[in-house]
């Protein structure tokens, strides 16, 4: 298990690695009027991954709410819960959370521990890239960078457990995809 300092170093490395890379050669926000960077529906946001909150504490553009495991469903490795964040659309690009950086891709893990990157079906309501199954339109450099980032993150037990739990839920919700 990584110490808090080890997690902080890992997240700084992930943020440095993924800071400049984008899904398309052009601004994919032009396809959807940057809907994923807006409060497109009341209460929409993302969870920070374990340790990621170290880099995003005290940011004025970010509203953080603690979701306790007693009131929400989290993988068992997420001891007490997780930070749920929403932003006010003034997010400094270099500080956007990892969930925003990797979108529209996410890691999908099988029961045997093997994993792959997929277009995140949870983004279907908002992302034209997911709606049109545009995975091959995504820049190779984006896909490769996200593979490297996820490979590093999956060494953290709590993140690996979350990816496995999320993958199970996706298979139940979208069985035709698997």
C-alpha atoms as a PDB file:
ATOM      1  CA  UNK A   1       0.000   0.000   0.000  1.00  0.00           C
ATOM      2  CA  UNK A   2       1.317   3.418  -0.949  1.00  0.00           C
ATOM      3  CA  UNK A   3       1.839   6.066   1.688  1.00  0.00           C
ATOM      4  CA  UNK A   4       0.160   9.444   1.296  1.00  0.00           C
ATOM      5  CA  UNK A   5       3.445  10.808  -0.084  1.00  0.00           C
ATOM      6  CA  UNK A   6       3.649   7.874  -2.514  1.00  0.00           C
ATOM      7  CA  UNK A   7       0.079   8.489  -3.693  1.00  0.00           C
ATOM      8  CA  UNK A   8       0.817  12.176  -4.156  1.00  0.00           C
ATOM      9  CA  UNK A   9       3.911  11.353  -6.266  1.00  0.00           C
ATOM     10  CA  UNK A  10       1.871   8.903  -8.354  1.00  0.00           C
ATOM     11  CA  UNK A  11      -0.893  11.440  -8.972  1.00  0.00           C
ATOM     12  CA  UNK A  12       1.608  14.170  -9.880  1.00  0.00           C
ATOM     13  CA  UNK A  13       3.165  11.742 -12.373  1.00  0.00           C
ATOM     14  CA  UNK A  14      -0.284  10.895 -13.805  1.00  0.00           C
ATOM     15  CA  UNK A  15      -1.246  14.574 -14.073  1.00  0.00           C
ATOM     16  CA  UNK A  16       2.067  15.395 -15.781  1.00  0.00           C
ATOM     17  CA  UNK A  17       1.645  12.474 -18.175  1.00  0.00           C
ATOM     18  CA  UNK A  18      -1.955  13.296 -19.131  1.00  0.00           C
ATOM     19  CA  UNK A  19      -1.857  17.086 -18.889  1.00  0.00           C
ATOM     20  CA  UNK A  20      -1.608  18.030 -22.543  1.00  0.00           C
ATOM     21  CA  UNK A  21      -3.082  15.028 -24.349  1.00  0.00           C
ATOM     22  CA  UNK A  22      -6.561  15.261 -25.894  1.00  0.00           C
ATOM     23  CA  UNK A  23      -8.867  12.653 -27.460  1.00  0.00           C
ATOM     24  CA  UNK A  24      -8.912  14.233 -30.938  1.00  0.00           C
ATOM     25  CA  UNK A  25      -6.534  16.358 -32.991  1.00  0.00           C
ATOM     26  CA  UNK A  26      -9.162  19.086 -32.738  1.00  0.00           C
ATOM     27  CA  UNK A  27     -11.180  20.251 -29.735  1.00  0.00           C
ATOM     28  CA  UNK A  28     -13.718  17.464 -29.149  1.00  0.00           C
ATOM     29  CA  UNK A  29     -15.814  20.034 -27.251  1.00  0.00           C
ATOM     30  CA  UNK A  30     -16.798  21.464 -30.629  1.00  0.00           C
ATOM     31  CA  UNK A  31     -18.826  18.284 -31.229  1.00  0.00           C
ATOM     32  CA  UNK A  32     -20.994  18.711 -28.129  1.00  0.00           C
ATOM     33  CA  UNK A  33     -20.566  22.330 -27.051  1.00  0.00           C
ATOM     34  CA  UNK A  34     -18.212  21.073 -24.299  1.00  0.00           C
ATOM     35  CA  UNK A  35     -21.113  19.507 -22.418  1.00  0.00           C
ATOM     36  CA  UNK A  36     -18.877  17.323 -20.231  1.00  0.00           C
ATOM     37  CA  UNK A  37     -17.242  20.509 -18.909  1.00  0.00           C
ATOM     38  CA  UNK A  38     -20.575  21.993 -17.879  1.00  0.00           C
ATOM     39  CA  UNK A  39     -23.175  21.398 -15.218  1.00  0.00           C
ATOM     40  CA  UNK A  40     -25.410  19.816 -17.877  1.00  0.00           C
ATOM     41  CA  UNK A  41     -27.729  18.291 -15.293  1.00  0.00           C
ATOM     42  CA  UNK A  42     -28.285  19.127 -11.629  1.00  0.00           C
ATOM     43  CA  UNK A  43     -25.832  17.260  -9.406  1.00  0.00           C
ATOM     44  CA  UNK A  44     -23.631  15.858 -12.179  1.00  0.00           C
ATOM     45  CA  UNK A  45     -20.008  15.371 -11.244  1.00  0.00           C
ATOM     46  CA  UNK A  46     -17.359  12.710 -10.777  1.00  0.00           C
ATOM     47  CA  UNK A  47     -15.636  10.862  -7.986  1.00  0.00           C
ATOM     48  CA  UNK A  48     -11.988  11.474  -7.337  1.00  0.00           C
ATOM     49  CA  UNK A  49      -9.861   8.358  -7.201  1.00  0.00           C
ATOM     50  CA  UNK A  50      -8.127   7.498  -3.922  1.00  0.00           C
ATOM     51  CA  UNK A  51      -5.300   9.924  -3.293  1.00  0.00           C
ATOM     52  CA  UNK A  52      -6.299  12.299  -6.085  1.00  0.00           C
ATOM     53  CA  UNK A  53      -7.877  14.667  -3.566  1.00  0.00           C
ATOM     54  CA  UNK A  54      -4.353  15.500  -2.364  1.00  0.00           C
ATOM     55  CA  UNK A  55      -3.804  17.508  -5.552  1.00  0.00           C
ATOM     56  CA  UNK A  56      -7.261  19.078  -5.623  1.00  0.00           C
ATOM     57  CA  UNK A  57      -7.819  20.340  -2.104  1.00  0.00           C
ATOM     58  CA  UNK A  58      -8.741  23.969  -1.701  1.00  0.00           C
ATOM     59  CA  UNK A  59      -9.503  24.661  -5.378  1.00  0.00           C
ATOM     60  CA  UNK A  60     -12.137  27.421  -5.562  1.00  0.00           C
ATOM     61  CA  UNK A  61     -13.585  26.195  -8.883  1.00  0.00           C
ATOM     62  CA  UNK A  62     -14.277  22.755  -7.411  1.00  0.00           C
ATOM     63  CA  UNK A  63     -17.079  21.854  -5.039  1.00  0.00           C
ATOM     64  CA  UNK A  64     -16.279  18.731  -3.008  1.00  0.00           C
ATOM     65  CA  UNK A  65     -18.761  16.568  -1.119  1.00  0.00           C
ATOM     66  CA  UNK A  66     -17.744  13.579   0.966  1.00  0.00           C
ATOM     67  CA  UNK A  67     -19.792  10.458   0.210  1.00  0.00           C
ATOM     68  CA  UNK A  68     -19.568   8.031   3.113  1.00  0.00           C
ATOM     69  CA  UNK A  69     -19.565   4.261   2.518  1.00  0.00           C
ATOM     70  CA  UNK A  70     -22.516   3.928   4.893  1.00  0.00           C
ATOM     71  CA  UNK A  71     -24.701   5.899   2.489  1.00  0.00           C
ATOM     72  CA  UNK A  72     -23.218   4.967  -0.901  1.00  0.00           C
ATOM     73  CA  UNK A  73     -21.880   1.828  -2.559  1.00  0.00           C
ATOM     74  CA  UNK A  74     -18.091   1.776  -2.888  1.00  0.00           C
ATOM     75  CA  UNK A  75     -15.548  -0.985  -3.308  1.00  0.00           C
ATOM     76  CA  UNK A  76     -14.426  -2.374   0.043  1.00  0.00           C
ATOM     77  CA  UNK A  77     -10.907  -0.989  -0.445  1.00  0.00           C
ATOM     78  CA  UNK A  78     -12.356   2.544  -0.351  1.00  0.00           C
ATOM     79  CA  UNK A  79     -12.308   2.472   3.446  1.00  0.00           C
ATOM     80  CA  UNK A  80     -14.616   5.305   4.363  1.00  0.00           C
ATOM     81  CA  UNK A  81     -15.897   6.722   1.076  1.00  0.00           C
ATOM     82  CA  UNK A  82     -14.792   9.152  -1.584  1.00  0.00           C
ATOM     83  CA  UNK A  83     -14.890  12.774  -2.655  1.00  0.00           C
ATOM     84  CA  UNK A  84     -17.568  13.642  -5.211  1.00  0.00           C
ATOM     85  CA  UNK A  85     -16.730  16.807  -7.131  1.00  0.00           C
ATOM     86  CA  UNK A  86     -18.564  19.226  -9.347  1.00  0.00           C
ATOM     87  CA  UNK A  87     -17.009  22.229 -10.994  1.00  0.00           C
ATOM     88  CA  UNK A  88     -18.208  25.638 -12.061  1.00  0.00           C
ATOM     89  CA  UNK A  89     -16.879  25.260 -15.652  1.00  0.00           C
ATOM     90  CA  UNK A  90     -13.823  27.405 -14.825  1.00  0.00           C
ATOM     91  CA  UNK A  91     -11.621  24.374 -14.365  1.00  0.00           C
ATOM     92  CA  UNK A  92      -7.979  25.118 -15.114  1.00  0.00           C
ATOM     93  CA  UNK A  93      -7.115  22.511 -17.729  1.00  0.00           C
ATOM     94  CA  UNK A  94      -3.892  21.500 -15.982  1.00  0.00           C
ATOM     95  CA  UNK A  95      -5.827  20.674 -12.792  1.00  0.00           C
ATOM     96  CA  UNK A  96      -8.834  18.817 -14.208  1.00  0.00           C
ATOM     97  CA  UNK A  97      -9.530  15.537 -12.400  1.00  0.00           C
ATOM     98  CA  UNK A  98      -8.351  12.266 -13.914  1.00  0.00           C
ATOM     99  CA  UNK A  99     -11.928  11.213 -14.711  1.00  0.00           C
ATOM    100  CA  UNK A 100     -12.117  14.230 -17.035  1.00  0.00           C
ATOM    101  CA  UNK A 101      -8.692  13.575 -18.529  1.00  0.00           C
ATOM    102  CA  UNK A 102      -9.443   9.981 -19.505  1.00  0.00           C
ATOM    103  CA  UNK A 103     -12.982  10.609 -20.809  1.00  0.00           C
ATOM    104  CA  UNK A 104     -14.421   9.199 -23.074  1.00  0.00           C
ATOM    105  CA  UNK A 105     -12.239   6.194 -22.227  1.00  0.00           C
ATOM    106  CA  UNK A 106     -12.283   4.194 -19.037  1.00  0.00           C
ATOM    107  CA  UNK A 107     -10.592   1.047 -17.823  1.00  0.00           C
ATOM    108  CA  UNK A 108     -12.592  -2.176 -17.924  1.00  0.00           C
ATOM    109  CA  UNK A 109     -11.372  -5.186 -15.952  1.00  0.00           C
ATOM    110  CA  UNK A 110     -12.257  -8.866 -16.208  1.00  0.00           C
ATOM    111  CA  UNK A 111     -12.553 -11.173 -13.228  1.00  0.00           C
ATOM    112  CA  UNK A 112      -9.146 -12.653 -14.103  1.00  0.00           C
ATOM    113  CA  UNK A 113      -7.520  -9.216 -13.638  1.00  0.00           C
ATOM    114  CA  UNK A 114      -6.903  -8.505 -17.316  1.00  0.00           C
ATOM    115  CA  UNK A 115      -8.008  -5.075 -18.421  1.00  0.00           C
ATOM    116  CA  UNK A 116      -8.577  -2.919 -21.472  1.00  0.00           C
ATOM    117  CA  UNK A 117      -9.673   0.593 -22.328  1.00  0.00           C
ATOM    118  CA  UNK A 118     -13.235   1.056 -23.547  1.00  0.00           C
ATOM    119  CA  UNK A 119     -15.500   3.929 -24.482  1.00  0.00           C
ATOM    120  CA  UNK A 120     -17.392   4.610 -21.259  1.00  0.00           C
ATOM    121  CA  UNK A 121     -21.073   3.784 -21.866  1.00  0.00           C
ATOM    122  CA  UNK A 122     -21.990   5.967 -18.884  1.00  0.00           C
ATOM    123  CA  UNK A 123     -21.143   8.897 -21.172  1.00  0.00           C
ATOM    124  CA  UNK A 124     -23.744   7.918 -23.795  1.00  0.00           C
ATOM    125  CA  UNK A 125     -26.168  10.724 -22.855  1.00  0.00           C
ATOM    126  CA  UNK A 126     -23.610  13.436 -23.575  1.00  0.00           C
ATOM    127  CA  UNK A 127     -20.718  12.294 -25.753  1.00  0.00           C
ATOM    128  CA  UNK A 128     -21.036  12.017 -29.539  1.00  0.00           C
ATOM    129  CA  UNK A 129     -17.785  10.031 -29.633  1.00  0.00           C
ATOM    130  CA  UNK A 130     -19.406   7.324 -27.526  1.00  0.00           C
ATOM    131  CA  UNK A 131     -22.756   7.501 -29.335  1.00  0.00           C
ATOM    132  CA  UNK A 132     -21.060   6.862 -32.677  1.00  0.00           C
ATOM    133  CA  UNK A 133     -18.518   4.325 -31.348  1.00  0.00           C
ATOM    134  CA  UNK A 134     -15.675   6.577 -32.478  1.00  0.00           C
ATOM    135  CA  UNK A 135     -12.939   4.720 -30.616  1.00  0.00           C
ATOM    136  CA  UNK A 136     -10.841   4.544 -33.787  1.00  0.00           C
ATOM    137  CA  UNK A 137     -11.143   8.306 -34.275  1.00  0.00           C
ATOM    138  CA  UNK A 138      -9.398   8.876 -30.969  1.00  0.00           C
ATOM    139  CA  UNK A 139      -5.759   9.839 -31.365  1.00  0.00           C
ATOM    140  CA  UNK A 140      -3.374   6.926 -30.951  1.00  0.00           C
ATOM    141  CA  UNK A 141      -1.267   9.108 -28.645  1.00  0.00           C
ATOM    142  CA  UNK A 142      -4.332   9.683 -26.429  1.00  0.00           C
ATOM    143  CA  UNK A 143      -5.154   5.959 -26.272  1.00  0.00           C
ATOM    144  CA  UNK A 144      -1.514   5.052 -25.564  1.00  0.00           C
ATOM    145  CA  UNK A 145      -1.102   7.728 -22.882  1.00  0.00           C
ATOM    146  CA  UNK A 146      -4.271   6.578 -21.152  1.00  0.00           C
ATOM    147  CA  UNK A 147      -3.057   2.965 -21.249  1.00  0.00           C
ATOM    148  CA  UNK A 148       0.149   4.023 -19.508  1.00  0.00           C
ATOM    149  CA  UNK A 149      -1.752   6.109 -16.944  1.00  0.00           C
ATOM    150  CA  UNK A 150      -4.257   3.365 -16.166  1.00  0.00           C
ATOM    151  CA  UNK A 151      -1.509   0.728 -15.944  1.00  0.00           C
ATOM    152  CA  UNK A 152       0.167   2.845 -13.252  1.00  0.00           C
ATOM    153  CA  UNK A 153      -3.087   3.563 -11.418  1.00  0.00           C
ATOM    154  CA  UNK A 154      -4.145  -0.076 -11.407  1.00  0.00           C
ATOM    155  CA  UNK A 155      -1.178  -0.841  -9.160  1.00  0.00           C
ATOM    156  CA  UNK A 156      -3.147   0.891  -6.372  1.00  0.00           C
ATOM    157  CA  UNK A 157      -5.431  -1.694  -4.760  1.00  0.00           C
ATOM    158  CA  UNK A 158      -8.311   0.709  -4.085  1.00  0.00           C
ATOM    159  CA  UNK A 159      -8.308   1.906  -7.714  1.00  0.00           C
ATOM    160  CA  UNK A 160      -8.022  -1.637  -9.061  1.00  0.00           C
ATOM    161  CA  UNK A 161     -10.967  -2.686  -6.857  1.00  0.00           C
ATOM    162  CA  UNK A 162     -13.008   0.270  -8.074  1.00  0.00           C
ATOM    163  CA  UNK A 163     -12.314  -0.545 -11.731  1.00  0.00           C
ATOM    164  CA  UNK A 164     -13.335  -4.164 -11.168  1.00  0.00           C
ATOM    165  CA  UNK A 165     -16.538  -3.153  -9.350  1.00  0.00           C
ATOM    166  CA  UNK A 166     -17.377  -0.553 -12.023  1.00  0.00           C
ATOM    167  CA  UNK A 167     -16.743  -3.133 -14.743  1.00  0.00           C
ATOM    168  CA  UNK A 168     -19.123  -5.585 -13.082  1.00  0.00           C
ATOM    169  CA  UNK A 169     -21.827  -2.907 -12.873  1.00  0.00           C
ATOM    170  CA  UNK A 170     -21.316  -1.989 -16.546  1.00  0.00           C
ATOM    171  CA  UNK A 171     -21.637  -5.632 -17.629  1.00  0.00           C
ATOM    172  CA  UNK A 172     -24.948  -5.845 -15.756  1.00  0.00           C
ATOM    173  CA  UNK A 173     -26.231  -2.541 -17.144  1.00  0.00           C
ATOM    174  CA  UNK A 174     -24.942  -2.959 -20.714  1.00  0.00           C
ATOM    175  CA  UNK A 175     -24.743  -6.758 -21.264  1.00  0.00           C
ATOM    176  CA  UNK A 176     -25.019  -6.388 -25.042  1.00  0.00           C
ATOM    177  CA  UNK A 177     -21.633  -4.657 -25.046  1.00  0.00           C
ATOM    178  CA  UNK A 178     -19.755  -7.581 -23.492  1.00  0.00           C
END
